[in-house]
PDB file of N, CA and C in Angstrom:
ATOM      1  N   MET A   1     -10.643  17.275  14.011  1.00  0.00           N
ATOM      2  CA  MET A   1     -11.901  16.125  13.444  1.00  0.00           C
ATOM      3  C   MET A   1     -12.790  16.378  14.268  1.00  0.00           C
ATOM      4  N   GLU A   2     -13.656  16.991  14.330  1.00  0.00           N
ATOM      5  CA  GLU A   2     -14.599  17.067  15.239  1.00  0.00           C
ATOM      6  C   GLU A   2     -15.447  15.810  15.272  1.00  0.00           C
ATOM      7  N   PHE A   3     -15.571  14.897  14.190  1.00  0.00           N
ATOM      8  CA  PHE A   3     -16.524  13.709  14.185  1.00  0.00           C
ATOM      9  C   PHE A   3     -15.869  12.845  15.299  1.00  0.00           C
ATOM     10  N   VAL A   4     -14.374  13.006  15.552  1.00  0.00           N
ATOM     11  CA  VAL A   4     -13.805  12.238  16.622  1.00  0.00           C
ATOM     12  C   VAL A   4     -14.155  12.044  18.042  1.00  0.00           C
ATOM     13  N   LYS A   5     -15.054  13.140  18.373  1.00  0.00           N
ATOM     14  CA  LYS A   5     -15.020  13.750  19.351  1.00  0.00           C
ATOM     15  C   LYS A   5     -16.548  12.528  19.650  1.00  0.00           C
ATOM     16  N   ILE A   6     -17.673  12.350  18.614  1.00  0.00           N
ATOM     17  CA  ILE A   6     -18.461  11.504  18.711  1.00  0.00           C
ATOM     18  C   ILE A   6     -18.167  10.391  19.021  1.00  0.00           C
ATOM     19  N   ILE A   7     -17.538   9.714  18.651  1.00  0.00           N
ATOM     20  CA  ILE A   7     -16.987   8.279  18.499  1.00  0.00           C
ATOM     21  C   ILE A   7     -15.283   8.267  19.340  1.00  0.00           C
ATOM     22  N   SER A   8     -15.584   7.203  20.191  1.00  0.00           N
ATOM     23  CA  SER A   8     -14.084   7.191  20.333  1.00  0.00           C
ATOM     24  C   SER A   8     -13.285   6.358  19.576  1.00  0.00           C
ATOM     25  N   PRO A   9     -12.055   7.419  19.651  1.00  0.00           N
ATOM     26  CA  PRO A   9     -10.841   7.309  18.919  1.00  0.00           C
ATOM     27  C   PRO A   9     -10.298   5.378  18.622  1.00  0.00           C
ATOM     28  N   GLU A  10     -10.772   5.080  19.647  1.00  0.00           N
ATOM     29  CA  GLU A  10     -10.510   3.276  19.791  1.00  0.00           C
ATOM     30  C   GLU A  10     -11.459   2.729  18.927  1.00  0.00           C
ATOM     31  N   LYS A  11     -12.894   3.296  18.976  1.00  0.00           N
ATOM     32  CA  LYS A  11     -14.024   2.416  18.294  1.00  0.00           C
ATOM     33  C   LYS A  11     -13.635   2.840  16.720  1.00  0.00           C
ATOM     34  N   LEU A  12     -13.299   4.281  16.704  1.00  0.00           N
ATOM     35  CA  LEU A  12     -13.206   4.538  15.152  1.00  0.00           C
ATOM     36  C   LEU A  12     -12.008   3.712  14.489  1.00  0.00           C
ATOM     37  N   GLU A  13     -10.877   3.673  14.996  1.00  0.00           N
ATOM     38  CA  GLU A  13     -10.018   2.889  14.303  1.00  0.00           C
ATOM     39  C   GLU A  13     -10.106   1.662  14.253  1.00  0.00           C
ATOM     40  N   LYS A  14     -10.570   0.959  15.216  1.00  0.00           N
ATOM     41  CA  LYS A  14     -11.450  -0.767  15.110  1.00  0.00           C
ATOM     42  C   LYS A  14     -12.261  -0.624  13.582  1.00  0.00           C
ATOM     43  N   GLU A  15     -13.524   0.552  13.814  1.00  0.00           N
ATOM     44  CA  GLU A  15     -14.499   0.595  12.590  1.00  0.00           C
ATOM     45  C   GLU A  15     -13.247   0.420  11.004  1.00  0.00           C
ATOM     46  N   LEU A  16     -12.345   1.343  11.289  1.00  0.00           N
ATOM     47  CA  LEU A  16     -11.797   1.692  10.035  1.00  0.00           C
ATOM     48  C   LEU A  16     -10.978   0.172   9.731  1.00  0.00           C
ATOM     49  N   GLU A  17     -10.792   0.165  10.461  1.00  0.00           N
ATOM     50  CA  GLU A  17      -9.797  -1.384  10.389  1.00  0.00           C
ATOM     51  C   GLU A  17     -10.260  -2.463   9.592  1.00  0.00           C
ATOM     52  N   ASN A  18     -11.630  -2.609  10.324  1.00  0.00           N
ATOM     53  CA  ASN A  18     -12.696  -3.741   9.689  1.00  0.00           C
ATOM     54  C   ASN A  18     -12.598  -2.996   8.001  1.00  0.00           C
ATOM     55  N   ARG A  19     -13.002  -1.702   7.790  1.00  0.00           N
ATOM     56  CA  ARG A  19     -13.554  -1.537   6.404  1.00  0.00           C
ATOM     57  C   ARG A  19     -12.241  -1.312   5.273  1.00  0.00           C
ATOM     58  N   VAL A  20     -11.393  -1.578   5.691  1.00  0.00           N
ATOM     59  CA  VAL A  20      -9.972  -1.327   4.807  1.00  0.00           C
ATOM     60  C   VAL A  20      -9.967  -2.846   4.810  1.00  0.00           C
ATOM     61  N   LYS A  21      -9.972  -3.568   5.599  1.00  0.00           N
ATOM     62  CA  LYS A  21      -9.741  -5.166   5.623  1.00  0.00           C
ATOM     63  C   LYS A  21     -10.770  -5.565   4.653  1.00  0.00           C
ATOM     64  N   ALA A  22     -12.000  -5.327   4.577  1.00  0.00           N
ATOM     65  CA  ALA A  22     -13.210  -5.809   3.851  1.00  0.00           C
ATOM     66  C   ALA A  22     -12.920  -5.056   2.272  1.00  0.00           C
ATOM     67  N   ALA A  23     -12.751  -3.926   2.396  1.00  0.00           N
ATOM     68  CA  ALA A  23     -12.358  -3.114   1.056  1.00  0.00           C
ATOM     69  C   ALA A  23     -11.189  -3.768  -0.034  1.00  0.00           C
ATOM     70  N   TYR A  24     -10.103  -4.025   0.826  1.00  0.00           N
ATOM     71  CA  TYR A  24      -8.785  -4.955   0.008  1.00  0.00           C
ATOM     72  C   TYR A  24      -9.612  -6.176  -0.106  1.00  0.00           C
ATOM     73  N   ALA A  25     -10.284  -7.168   0.492  1.00  0.00           N
ATOM     74  CA  ALA A  25     -10.553  -8.266   0.033  1.00  0.00           C
ATOM     75  C   ALA A  25     -11.593  -8.347  -0.756  1.00  0.00           C
ATOM     76  N   ASP A  26     -12.476  -7.265  -1.005  1.00  0.00           N
ATOM     77  CA  ASP A  26     -13.292  -6.987  -2.185  1.00  0.00           C
ATOM     78  C   ASP A  26     -12.417  -6.609  -3.376  1.00  0.00           C
ATOM     79  N   LYS A  27     -11.353  -6.300  -3.519  1.00  0.00           N
ATOM     80  CA  LYS A  27     -10.766  -5.572  -4.450  1.00  0.00           C
ATOM     81  C   LYS A  27     -11.194  -3.914  -4.859  1.00  0.00           C
ATOM     82  N   ASP A  28     -11.794  -3.761  -3.682  1.00  0.00           N
ATOM     83  CA  ASP A  28     -12.045  -1.853  -4.337  1.00  0.00           C
ATOM     84  C   ASP A  28     -10.924  -1.205  -3.775  1.00  0.00           C
ATOM     85  N   TYR A  29      -9.810  -1.548  -4.461  1.00  0.00           N
ATOM     86  CA  TYR A  29      -8.568  -0.224  -3.934  1.00  0.00           C
ATOM     87  C   TYR A  29      -8.762   0.978  -3.910  1.00  0.00           C
ATOM     88  N   LEU A  30      -9.283   1.812  -4.640  1.00  0.00           N
ATOM     89  CA  LEU A  30      -9.844   3.240  -4.388  1.00  0.00           C
ATOM     90  C   LEU A  30     -10.284   3.114  -3.145  1.00  0.00           C
ATOM     91  N   ARG A  31     -11.603   2.715  -2.585  1.00  0.00           N
ATOM     92  CA  ARG A  31     -12.053   2.645  -1.384  1.00  0.00           C
ATOM     93  C   ARG A  31     -10.927   2.324  -0.380  1.00  0.00           C
ATOM     94  N   CYS A  32     -10.297   1.420  -0.689  1.00  0.00           N
ATOM     95  CA  CYS A  32      -9.380   1.075   0.446  1.00  0.00           C
ATOM     96  C   CYS A  32      -8.334   2.048   0.767  1.00  0.00           C
ATOM     97  N   ASN A  33      -7.989   2.894  -0.332  1.00  0.00           N
ATOM     98  CA  ASN A  33      -6.681   3.741  -0.119  1.00  0.00           C
ATOM     99  C   ASN A  33      -7.263   4.836   0.542  1.00  0.00           C
ATOM    100  N   ASN A  34      -8.589   5.345   0.760  1.00  0.00           N
ATOM    101  CA  ASN A  34      -8.825   6.548   1.049  1.00  0.00           C
ATOM    102  C   ASN A  34      -9.429   6.016   2.789  1.00  0.00           C
ATOM    103  N   LEU A  35      -9.951   4.791   2.959  1.00  0.00           N
ATOM    104  CA  LEU A  35     -10.063   4.413   4.190  1.00  0.00           C
ATOM    105  C   LEU A  35      -8.721   4.699   5.012  1.00  0.00           C
ATOM    106  N   ILE A  36      -7.668   3.958   4.186  1.00  0.00           N
ATOM    107  CA  ILE A  36      -6.523   4.328   4.908  1.00  0.00           C
ATOM    108  C   ILE A  36      -6.229   5.438   5.036  1.00  0.00           C
ATOM    109  N   LYS A  37      -6.347   6.450   4.327  1.00  0.00           N
ATOM    110  CA  LYS A  37      -5.998   7.985   4.649  1.00  0.00           C
ATOM    111  C   LYS A  37      -6.677   8.579   5.902  1.00  0.00           C
ATOM    112  N   HIS A  38      -8.016   7.907   6.052  1.00  0.00           N
ATOM    113  CA  HIS A  38      -8.680   8.418   7.204  1.00  0.00           C
ATOM    114  C   HIS A  38      -7.824   7.562   8.358  1.00  0.00           C
ATOM    115  N   LEU A  39      -7.780   6.482   8.708  1.00  0.00           N
ATOM    116  CA  LEU A  39      -7.188   5.265   9.417  1.00  0.00           C
ATOM    117  C   LEU A  39      -6.174   6.252   9.780  1.00  0.00           C
ATOM    118  N   LEU A  40      -5.249   6.787   9.193  1.00  0.00           N
ATOM    119  CA  LEU A  40      -3.632   6.778   9.447  1.00  0.00           C
ATOM    120  C   LEU A  40      -4.120   8.780  10.144  1.00  0.00           C
ATOM    121  N   LYS A  41      -4.857   9.333   9.889  1.00  0.00           N
ATOM    122  CA  LYS A  41      -5.373  10.611  10.045  1.00  0.00           C
ATOM    123  C   LYS A  41      -5.576  10.499  11.275  1.00  0.00           C
ATOM    124  N   VAL A  42      -6.001   9.347  12.193  1.00  0.00           N
ATOM    125  CA  VAL A  42      -6.568   8.852  13.439  1.00  0.00           C
ATOM    126  C   VAL A  42      -5.653   8.399  14.461  1.00  0.00           C
ATOM    127  N   ASN A  43      -5.108   7.499  13.610  1.00  0.00           N
ATOM    128  CA  ASN A  43      -3.596   6.982  14.352  1.00  0.00           C
ATOM    129  C   ASN A  43      -2.482   6.905  13.472  1.00  0.00           C
ATOM    130  N   SER A  44      -1.784   7.515  13.209  1.00  0.00           N
ATOM    131  CA  SER A  44      -0.474   7.448  12.319  1.00  0.00           C
ATOM    132  C   SER A  44       0.487   6.364  12.492  1.00  0.00           C
ATOM    133  N   THR A  45       0.428   5.600  13.253  1.00  0.00           N
ATOM    134  CA  THR A  45       1.201   4.062  13.301  1.00  0.00           C
ATOM    135  C   THR A  45       0.377   2.752  13.803  1.00  0.00           C
ATOM    136  N   ASN A  46      -0.734   3.044  13.262  1.00  0.00           N
ATOM    137  CA  ASN A  46      -1.789   2.007  13.109  1.00  0.00           C
ATOM    138  C   ASN A  46      -0.864   0.859  12.227  1.00  0.00           C
ATOM    139  N   SER A  47      -0.573  -0.238  12.610  1.00  0.00           N
ATOM    140  CA  SER A  47       0.108  -1.544  11.989  1.00  0.00           C
ATOM    141  C   SER A  47      -0.694  -1.749  11.038  1.00  0.00           C
ATOM    142  N   VAL A  48      -2.118  -1.601  10.858  1.00  0.00           N
ATOM    143  CA  VAL A  48      -2.953  -2.534   9.822  1.00  0.00           C
ATOM    144  C   VAL A  48      -3.216  -1.316   8.514  1.00  0.00           C
ATOM    145  N   GLY A  49      -2.990  -0.125   9.166  1.00  0.00           N
ATOM    146  CA  GLY A  49      -3.337   1.031   7.746  1.00  0.00           C
ATOM    147  C   GLY A  49      -1.734   1.137   7.233  1.00  0.00           C
ATOM    148  N   LEU A  50      -0.709   0.789   7.573  1.00  0.00           N
ATOM    149  CA  LEU A  50       0.659   0.756   7.273  1.00  0.00           C
ATOM    150  C   LEU A  50       0.850  -0.143   6.465  1.00  0.00           C
ATOM    151  N   TYR A  51       0.355  -2.002   6.892  1.00  0.00           N
ATOM    152  CA  TYR A  51       0.674  -2.909   6.082  1.00  0.00           C
ATOM    153  C   TYR A  51      -0.371  -2.674   5.038  1.00  0.00           C
ATOM    154  N   TYR A  52      -1.596  -2.399   4.443  1.00  0.00           N
ATOM    155  CA  TYR A  52      -2.426  -2.332   3.533  1.00  0.00           C
ATOM    156  C   TYR A  52      -2.103  -1.197   2.426  1.00  0.00           C
ATOM    157  N   GLN A  53      -1.013   0.183   3.253  1.00  0.00           N
ATOM    158  CA  GLN A  53      -0.941   1.380   2.340  1.00  0.00           C
ATOM    159  C   GLN A  53       0.184   0.331   1.764  1.00  0.00           C
ATOM    160  N   GLY A  54       1.142  -0.240   2.166  1.00  0.00           N
ATOM    161  CA  GLY A  54       2.248  -0.668   1.325  1.00  0.00           C
ATOM    162  C   GLY A  54       1.903  -2.021   0.324  1.00  0.00           C
ATOM    163  N   LYS A  55       1.116  -2.418   0.622  1.00  0.00           N
ATOM    164  CA  LYS A  55       0.329  -3.339  -0.558  1.00  0.00           C
ATOM    165  C   LYS A  55      -0.493  -2.617  -1.560  1.00  0.00           C
ATOM    166  N   LEU A  56      -0.834  -1.409  -1.297  1.00  0.00           N
ATOM    167  CA  LEU A  56      -1.597  -0.623  -2.662  1.00  0.00           C
ATOM    168  C   LEU A  56      -0.634  -0.369  -3.388  1.00  0.00           C
ATOM    169  N   THR A  57       0.210  -0.628  -4.248  1.00  0.00           N
ATOM    170  CA  THR A  57       1.109  -0.321  -5.151  1.00  0.00           C
ATOM    171  C   THR A  57       0.396   1.063  -5.842  1.00  0.00           C
ATOM    172  N   PRO A  58       1.576   1.813  -6.344  1.00  0.00           N
ATOM    173  CA  PRO A  58       0.644   2.743  -7.712  1.00  0.00           C
ATOM    174  C   PRO A  58       0.278   2.386  -9.087  1.00  0.00           C
ATOM    175  N   SER A  59       0.416   1.187  -9.243  1.00  0.00           N
ATOM    176  CA  SER A  59       0.225   0.505 -10.283  1.00  0.00           C
ATOM    177  C   SER A  59      -0.680  -0.235 -10.661  1.00  0.00           C
ATOM    178  N   LEU A  60      -1.250  -0.619  -9.383  1.00  0.00           N
ATOM    179  CA  LEU A  60      -2.615  -1.422  -8.712  1.00  0.00           C
ATOM    180  C   LEU A  60      -3.657  -0.541  -8.608  1.00  0.00           C
ATOM    181  N   LEU A  61      -3.040   0.963  -8.131  1.00  0.00           N
ATOM    182  CA  LEU A  61      -4.673   2.060  -7.606  1.00  0.00           C
ATOM    183  C   LEU A  61      -4.496   2.660  -9.190  1.00  0.00           C
ATOM    184  N   LYS A  62      -3.524   2.771 -10.164  1.00  0.00           N
ATOM    185  CA  LYS A  62      -3.604   3.186 -11.584  1.00  0.00           C
ATOM    186  C   LYS A  62      -4.808   2.475 -12.445  1.00  0.00           C
ATOM    187  N   GLU A  63      -4.477   1.013 -12.232  1.00  0.00           N
ATOM    188  CA  GLU A  63      -5.682  -0.040 -13.137  1.00  0.00           C
ATOM    189  C   GLU A  63      -6.246   0.317 -12.605  1.00  0.00           C
ATOM    190  N   THR A  64      -6.823   0.501 -11.211  1.00  0.00           N
ATOM    191  CA  THR A  64      -8.288   0.368 -10.479  1.00  0.00           C
ATOM    192  C   THR A  64      -8.833   2.004 -11.126  1.00  0.00           C
ATOM    193  N   LYS A  65      -8.380   2.961 -10.943  1.00  0.00           N
ATOM    194  CA  LYS A  65      -8.565   4.108 -11.683  1.00  0.00           C
ATOM    195  C   LYS A  65      -9.243   4.059 -12.608  1.00  0.00           C
ATOM    196  N   ALA A  66      -8.512   3.314 -13.517  1.00  0.00           N
ATOM    197  CA  ALA A  66      -8.642   3.399 -15.349  1.00  0.00           C
ATOM    198  C   ALA A  66      -9.768   2.395 -15.242  1.00  0.00           C
ATOM    199  N   LYS A  67     -10.403   1.617 -14.308  1.00  0.00           N
ATOM    200  CA  LYS A  67     -11.800   0.848 -14.409  1.00  0.00           C
ATOM    201  C   LYS A  67     -12.959   1.713 -14.414  1.00  0.00           C
ATOM    202  N   TRP A  68     -12.371   2.919 -13.548  1.00  0.00           N
ATOM    203  CA  TRP A  68     -13.978   3.843 -13.157  1.00  0.00           C
ATOM    204  C   TRP A  68     -13.764   4.846 -14.366  1.00  0.00           C
ATOM    205  N   VAL A  69     -12.840   5.106 -15.400  1.00  0.00           N
ATOM    206  CA  VAL A  69     -13.159   6.221 -16.135  1.00  0.00           C
ATOM    207  C   VAL A  69     -13.321   5.648 -17.643  1.00  0.00           C
TER     208      VAL A  69
END
């Protein structure tokens, strides 16, 4: 991931954590899911990413996808 070289991994991780929290609070679960994937690429043991990944159930994501279709 080349963009990680531009931004330090610590700053990128903090920014992604903040955006994940905001997306979940806004009930934008698909965006939250995509941000979690990127967050876990930067640090696979990130506690925020793992916490919200557990909260996003498949049925919740399916409902959100149905709203967009």
